Amino acid sequence: MNCAESPPGPAVDSLPARPAAGRPLGSALATLFPTPVRYTGTSLAFNFAGILGASIAAPIATYLAKHYGLAFVGYYLSTTALISLIALMFIKGETK
């Protein structure tokens, strides 16, 4: 099976989880920056993270699927999710 073919079994879409993940993101990012630069800091952090994440995730996933199989793409995504969760636990935002 090449990367262009669909894997056997039911398709699972992350679309229902996307709004749930995005809702708290704005407030979490906002607390990381002081009030005078809050909008700019939040905007830059969100956009650069999206660009960086989107630019490297697809080539890595394609390489893993091609050379090791689709299971390793799942391992990669699980690992990045775990790293994100650990990083999230260390965020210290501004408190009032």
C-alpha atoms as a PDB file:
ATOM      1  CA  MET A   1       0.000   0.000   0.000  1.00  0.00           C
ATOM      2  CA  ASN A   2       1.397   3.394  -0.902  1.00  0.00           C
ATOM      3  CA  CYS A   3       0.708   6.669   0.903  1.00  0.00           C
ATOM      4  CA  ALA A   4      -2.006   7.684  -1.565  1.00  0.00           C
ATOM      5  CA  GLU A   5      -4.204   4.668  -0.753  1.00  0.00           C
ATOM      6  CA  SER A   6      -6.603   4.679   2.149  1.00  0.00           C
ATOM      7  CA  PRO A   7      -5.883   2.276   4.974  1.00  0.00           C
ATOM      8  CA  PRO A   8      -8.446  -0.471   5.527  1.00  0.00           C
ATOM      9  CA  GLY A   9     -11.076   0.087   8.186  1.00  0.00           C
ATOM     10  CA  PRO A  10     -13.234   3.027   9.195  1.00  0.00           C
ATOM     11  CA  ALA A  11     -11.912   6.537   8.723  1.00  0.00           C
ATOM     12  CA  VAL A  12     -11.482   8.586  11.855  1.00  0.00           C
ATOM     13  CA  ASP A  13     -11.603  12.349  11.574  1.00  0.00           C
ATOM     14  CA  SER A  14     -10.293  14.743  14.189  1.00  0.00           C
ATOM     15  CA  LEU A  15     -12.732  17.460  13.096  1.00  0.00           C
ATOM     16  CA  PRO A  16     -15.004  17.123  16.164  1.00  0.00           C
ATOM     17  CA  ALA A  17     -12.004  17.585  18.485  1.00  0.00           C
ATOM     18  CA  ARG A  18     -10.633  20.691  16.772  1.00  0.00           C
ATOM     19  CA  PRO A  19     -13.004  23.254  18.322  1.00  0.00           C
ATOM     20  CA  ALA A  20     -12.479  21.736  21.756  1.00  0.00           C
ATOM     21  CA  ALA A  21      -8.721  22.111  21.381  1.00  0.00           C
ATOM     22  CA  GLY A  22      -8.897  25.633  19.981  1.00  0.00           C
ATOM     23  CA  ARG A  23     -11.247  27.238  22.487  1.00  0.00           C
ATOM     24  CA  PRO A  24      -8.912  27.362  25.498  1.00  0.00           C
ATOM     25  CA  LEU A  25      -5.901  28.177  23.328  1.00  0.00           C
ATOM     26  CA  GLY A  26      -6.653  31.886  23.044  1.00  0.00           C
ATOM     27  CA  SER A  27      -6.938  32.441  26.763  1.00  0.00           C
ATOM     28  CA  ALA A  28      -3.913  30.251  27.516  1.00  0.00           C
ATOM     29  CA  LEU A  29      -1.750  32.166  25.054  1.00  0.00           C
ATOM     30  CA  ALA A  30      -3.030  35.535  26.230  1.00  0.00           C
ATOM     31  CA  THR A  31      -1.833  34.938  29.788  1.00  0.00           C
ATOM     32  CA  LEU A  32       1.733  34.474  28.557  1.00  0.00           C
ATOM     33  CA  PHE A  33       2.144  38.112  27.537  1.00  0.00           C
ATOM     34  CA  PRO A  34       1.890  41.410  29.425  1.00  0.00           C
ATOM     35  CA  THR A  35      -1.172  43.513  28.643  1.00  0.00           C
ATOM     36  CA  PRO A  36       0.529  46.129  26.366  1.00  0.00           C
ATOM     37  CA  VAL A  37       1.714  43.434  23.905  1.00  0.00           C
ATOM     38  CA  ARG A  38      -0.865  40.724  24.580  1.00  0.00           C
ATOM     39  CA  TYR A  39      -2.613  40.810  21.193  1.00  0.00           C
ATOM     40  CA  THR A  40       0.635  40.938  19.211  1.00  0.00           C
ATOM     41  CA  GLY A  41       2.306  38.238  21.290  1.00  0.00           C
ATOM     42  CA  THR A  42      -0.677  35.919  21.080  1.00  0.00           C
ATOM     43  CA  SER A  43      -1.019  36.450  17.342  1.00  0.00           C
ATOM     44  CA  LEU A  44       2.669  35.876  16.608  1.00  0.00           C
ATOM     45  CA  ALA A  45       2.877  32.809  18.855  1.00  0.00           C
ATOM     46  CA  PHE A  46      -0.237  31.234  17.340  1.00  0.00           C
ATOM     47  CA  ASN A  47       0.750  31.903  13.732  1.00  0.00           C
ATOM     48  CA  PHE A  48       4.410  30.916  14.026  1.00  0.00           C
ATOM     49  CA  ALA A  49       3.469  27.723  15.859  1.00  0.00           C
ATOM     50  CA  GLY A  50       1.013  26.876  13.095  1.00  0.00           C
ATOM     51  CA  ILE A  51       3.570  27.559  10.380  1.00  0.00           C
ATOM     52  CA  LEU A  52       6.314  25.604  12.106  1.00  0.00           C
ATOM     53  CA  GLY A  53       4.048  22.691  13.018  1.00  0.00           C
ATOM     54  CA  ALA A  54       2.449  22.497   9.591  1.00  0.00           C
ATOM     55  CA  SER A  55       5.741  22.784   7.746  1.00  0.00           C
ATOM     56  CA  ILE A  56       7.469  19.851   9.432  1.00  0.00           C
ATOM     57  CA  ALA A  57       4.639  17.472  10.396  1.00  0.00           C
ATOM     58  CA  ALA A  58       3.597  16.438   6.885  1.00  0.00           C
ATOM     59  CA  PRO A  59       7.106  15.610   5.562  1.00  0.00           C
ATOM     60  CA  ILE A  60       7.926  13.650   8.714  1.00  0.00           C
ATOM     61  CA  ALA A  61       4.656  11.714   8.544  1.00  0.00           C
ATOM     62  CA  THR A  62       5.183  10.985   4.844  1.00  0.00           C
ATOM     63  CA  TYR A  63       8.728   9.739   5.464  1.00  0.00           C
ATOM     64  CA  LEU A  64       7.620   7.517   8.341  1.00  0.00           C
ATOM     65  CA  ALA A  65       4.710   6.048   6.349  1.00  0.00           C
ATOM     66  CA  LYS A  66       6.896   5.374   3.331  1.00  0.00           C
ATOM     67  CA  HIS A  67       9.827   3.801   5.178  1.00  0.00           C
ATOM     68  CA  TYR A  68       8.290   2.251   8.308  1.00  0.00           C
ATOM     69  CA  GLY A  69       4.521   1.963   7.765  1.00  0.00           C
ATOM     70  CA  LEU A  70       1.459   3.828   8.936  1.00  0.00           C
ATOM     71  CA  ALA A  71       1.776   2.613  12.526  1.00  0.00           C
ATOM     72  CA  PHE A  72       4.852   4.799  12.959  1.00  0.00           C
ATOM     73  CA  VAL A  73       2.871   7.860  11.873  1.00  0.00           C
ATOM     74  CA  GLY A  74       0.561   7.127  14.788  1.00  0.00           C
ATOM     75  CA  TYR A  75       3.554   6.754  17.107  1.00  0.00           C
ATOM     76  CA  TYR A  76       4.893  10.087  15.849  1.00  0.00           C
ATOM     77  CA  LEU A  77       1.571  11.859  16.416  1.00  0.00           C
ATOM     78  CA  SER A  78       1.205  10.309  19.862  1.00  0.00           C
ATOM     79  CA  THR A  79       4.734  11.371  20.790  1.00  0.00           C
ATOM     80  CA  THR A  80       4.187  14.954  19.650  1.00  0.00           C
ATOM     81  CA  ALA A  81       0.894  15.077  21.573  1.00  0.00           C
ATOM     82  CA  LEU A  82       2.676  13.856  24.710  1.00  0.00           C
ATOM     83  CA  ILE A  83       5.432  16.457  24.269  1.00  0.00           C
ATOM     84  CA  SER A  84       2.759  19.150  23.858  1.00  0.00           C
ATOM     85  CA  LEU A  85       0.992  18.003  27.012  1.00  0.00           C
ATOM     86  CA  ILE A  86       4.240  18.078  29.008  1.00  0.00           C
ATOM     87  CA  ALA A  87       5.079  21.550  27.658  1.00  0.00           C
ATOM     88  CA  LEU A  88       1.586  22.739  28.550  1.00  0.00           C
ATOM     89  CA  MET A  89       2.119  21.711  32.169  1.00  0.00           C
ATOM     90  CA  PHE A  90       5.135  24.028  32.393  1.00  0.00           C
ATOM     91  CA  ILE A  91       3.394  27.152  31.074  1.00  0.00           C
ATOM     92  CA  LYS A  92       3.316  29.869  33.695  1.00  0.00           C
ATOM     93  CA  GLY A  93       1.000  32.615  32.593  1.00  0.00           C
ATOM     94  CA  GLU A  94       0.334  36.035  34.049  1.00  0.00           C
ATOM     95  CA  THR A  95      -1.940  35.897  37.070  1.00  0.00           C
ATOM     96  CA  LYS A  96      -3.883  38.743  38.625  1.00  0.00           C
END
